[in-house]
Amino acid sequence: MAAYSAQLRGASRVFVVDRVPERLAVAEKIGCTPIDFTKGDAVDQIIRLNGGEVDRSVDAVGYQAVDTSGSKEKPNIVLENMIRVTRACGGMGIPGLYVPRLDHAEVAYEKFDKREDGYTKVLIHPNGGFESTTVGQVTSKL
C-alpha cells in the first residue's frame, strides 16, 4: 500500500524492501524496484541501483522488522537503514509506532491521539538533528 501510494503521489522511483518472493513480485508488477534484503544489504542495493541516496523513505514495517536471516526480530533495522539511505535534508516517513512491548501499542496510540501528557512524537532528520514534540510540553529541537 505504501509503495502504491508513493507512485500515485508521483514518486519517480519506488524501491520495495522485503524478503517474501510473492510480495516482491507484486511490487515489481506495479512498477516498483524489488529489493530482497536476504540477498545483501538493502541500503547498498538501493544506492547502487539509484546512483546514490534517495530523497524520501518510508518505514511501513515498524516493530515487526527482522534481520537478514528472517528468524530474529530486529525492530530498529528499518529505521537505521532509512537514516543510511536517505540523503541529508531528505524526508523520512515513519507512520508506525515503536513501543517497548506489543501489548502497549494500542494504549500508546490512544494516548498520543488524545494528546495526553508524556507521549512523544519524534522526527529524525538524516543529517543528524531530532525534533521532539511531547504532548503537554513545549516543542524542543535537539
Protein backbone atom coordinates (compact mmCIF):
# COMPACT_ATOMS: atom_id res chain seq x y z
CA MET A 1 0.00 0.00 0.00
CA ALA A 2 2.81 2.46 0.86
CA ALA A 3 4.59 1.71 -2.42
CA TYR A 4 1.46 2.14 -4.47
CA SER A 5 0.64 5.37 -2.64
CA ALA A 6 4.13 6.69 -3.41
CA GLN A 7 3.57 6.01 -7.09
CA LEU A 8 0.18 7.70 -7.04
CA ARG A 9 1.80 10.73 -5.40
CA GLY A 10 4.31 10.96 -8.26
CA ALA A 11 7.48 9.30 -6.99
CA SER A 12 9.91 8.86 -9.88
CA ARG A 13 11.22 5.58 -8.49
CA VAL A 14 9.96 3.34 -5.70
CA PHE A 15 12.03 0.63 -4.01
CA VAL A 16 10.27 -2.07 -2.01
CA VAL A 17 12.41 -3.93 0.52
CA ASP A 18 11.18 -7.33 1.63
CA ARG A 19 12.18 -10.99 1.84
CA VAL A 20 8.92 -12.61 0.72
CA PRO A 21 9.13 -13.52 -3.00
CA GLU A 22 5.38 -13.07 -3.58
CA ARG A 23 5.37 -9.54 -2.16
CA LEU A 24 8.47 -8.63 -4.17
CA ALA A 25 6.77 -9.98 -7.32
CA VAL A 26 3.70 -7.81 -6.65
CA ALA A 27 5.94 -4.78 -6.10
CA GLU A 28 7.61 -5.38 -9.46
CA LYS A 29 4.25 -5.93 -11.14
CA ILE A 30 3.04 -2.47 -10.05
CA GLY A 31 6.24 -0.84 -11.32
CA CYS A 32 8.42 -0.76 -8.21
CA THR A 33 12.00 -1.97 -7.91
CA PRO A 34 12.06 -5.01 -5.59
CA ILE A 35 14.93 -5.32 -3.09
CA ASP A 36 15.39 -8.70 -1.39
CA PHE A 37 17.26 -7.94 1.83
CA THR A 38 18.27 -11.59 2.26
CA LYS A 39 20.48 -11.28 -0.81
CA GLY A 40 22.60 -8.43 0.54
CA ASP A 41 22.48 -5.15 2.39
CA ALA A 42 19.30 -3.34 1.32
CA VAL A 43 20.89 0.11 1.58
CA ASP A 44 23.83 -0.90 -0.61
CA GLN A 45 21.45 -2.37 -3.20
CA ILE A 46 19.30 0.77 -3.31
CA ILE A 47 22.24 3.18 -3.50
CA ARG A 48 23.76 1.12 -6.33
CA LEU A 49 20.52 0.96 -8.32
CA ASN A 50 19.60 4.59 -7.64
CA GLY A 51 23.06 6.02 -8.27
CA GLY A 52 23.11 7.49 -4.76
CA GLU A 53 20.91 8.10 -1.76
CA VAL A 54 17.15 8.57 -2.04
CA ASP A 55 15.16 11.76 -1.42
CA ARG A 56 12.47 10.14 0.71
CA SER A 57 11.98 6.90 2.62
CA VAL A 58 9.06 5.33 4.49
CA ASP A 59 9.02 2.76 7.27
CA ALA A 60 5.93 0.67 6.59
CA VAL A 61 7.06 -2.14 8.90
CA GLY A 62 7.71 -0.87 12.43
CA TYR A 63 8.34 -3.27 15.29
CA GLN A 64 7.86 -6.41 13.13
CA ALA A 65 11.13 -5.96 11.22
CA VAL A 66 13.55 -8.89 11.17
CA ASP A 67 17.25 -9.37 10.49
CA THR A 68 18.59 -10.64 7.15
CA SER A 69 18.07 -14.27 8.19
CA GLY A 70 14.39 -13.56 8.80
CA SER A 71 14.49 -15.57 12.01
CA LYS A 72 15.21 -12.87 14.59
CA GLU A 73 13.13 -9.76 15.26
CA LYS A 74 15.16 -6.55 14.90
CA PRO A 75 12.75 -3.62 15.37
CA ASN A 76 15.31 -0.87 14.71
CA ILE A 77 16.75 -2.18 11.43
CA VAL A 78 14.34 -0.32 9.14
CA LEU A 79 14.85 2.99 10.91
CA GLU A 80 18.64 2.55 10.84
CA ASN A 81 18.53 1.72 7.13
CA MET A 82 16.32 4.73 6.40
CA ILE A 83 18.88 7.00 8.05
CA ARG A 84 21.66 5.41 5.96
CA VAL A 85 19.79 5.55 2.62
CA THR A 86 18.11 8.98 2.81
CA ARG A 87 20.14 11.96 1.64
CA ALA A 88 20.93 14.81 4.01
CA CYS A 89 17.87 17.08 4.29
CA GLY A 90 15.73 14.35 2.71
CA GLY A 91 12.45 13.20 4.21
CA MET A 92 11.56 10.14 6.21
CA GLY A 93 8.04 8.93 6.94
CA ILE A 94 7.55 6.75 9.97
CA PRO A 95 3.82 6.16 10.31
CA GLY A 96 4.29 3.28 12.73
CA LEU A 97 4.67 3.50 16.47
CA TYR A 98 7.62 1.94 18.26
CA VAL A 99 6.72 0.71 21.71
CA PRO A 100 8.73 -1.40 24.16
CA ARG A 101 6.17 -4.19 24.12
CA LEU A 102 3.48 -5.06 21.59
CA ASP A 103 0.76 -5.21 24.22
CA HIS A 104 1.41 -1.48 24.92
CA ALA A 105 0.84 -0.35 21.32
CA GLU A 106 -2.92 0.15 21.45
CA VAL A 107 -2.73 2.18 24.66
CA ALA A 108 0.19 4.27 23.36
CA TYR A 109 -1.63 5.10 20.10
CA GLU A 110 -4.75 6.10 22.02
CA LYS A 111 -2.85 8.29 24.47
CA PHE A 112 -0.87 10.04 21.75
CA ASP A 113 -4.02 10.63 19.69
CA LYS A 114 -5.69 12.16 22.77
CA ARG A 115 -2.57 14.32 23.32
CA GLU A 116 -2.07 13.00 26.85
CA ASP A 117 1.00 14.18 28.74
CA GLY A 118 4.15 12.13 28.33
CA TYR A 119 3.53 10.65 24.87
CA THR A 120 6.09 11.79 22.33
CA LYS A 121 6.30 12.02 18.57
CA VAL A 122 9.87 12.20 17.26
CA LEU A 123 11.03 13.29 13.82
CA ILE A 124 14.54 12.13 12.97
CA HIS A 125 16.46 14.03 10.31
CA PRO A 126 19.05 12.05 8.31
CA ASN A 127 21.59 14.86 8.69
CA GLY A 128 21.67 14.41 12.43
CA GLY A 129 19.05 16.52 14.23
CA PHE A 130 15.95 15.48 16.10
CA GLU A 131 12.68 17.31 16.59
CA SER A 132 10.66 16.09 19.51
CA THR A 133 7.11 17.01 20.36
CA THR A 134 5.92 15.83 23.74
CA VAL A 135 2.26 16.29 24.46
CA GLY A 136 1.73 18.73 27.32
CA GLN A 137 5.17 20.30 27.00
CA VAL A 138 6.97 22.75 24.72
CA THR A 139 8.36 21.52 21.41
CA SER A 140 12.12 21.32 21.54
CA LYS A 141 14.82 20.88 18.93
CA LEU A 142 17.90 18.90 19.97
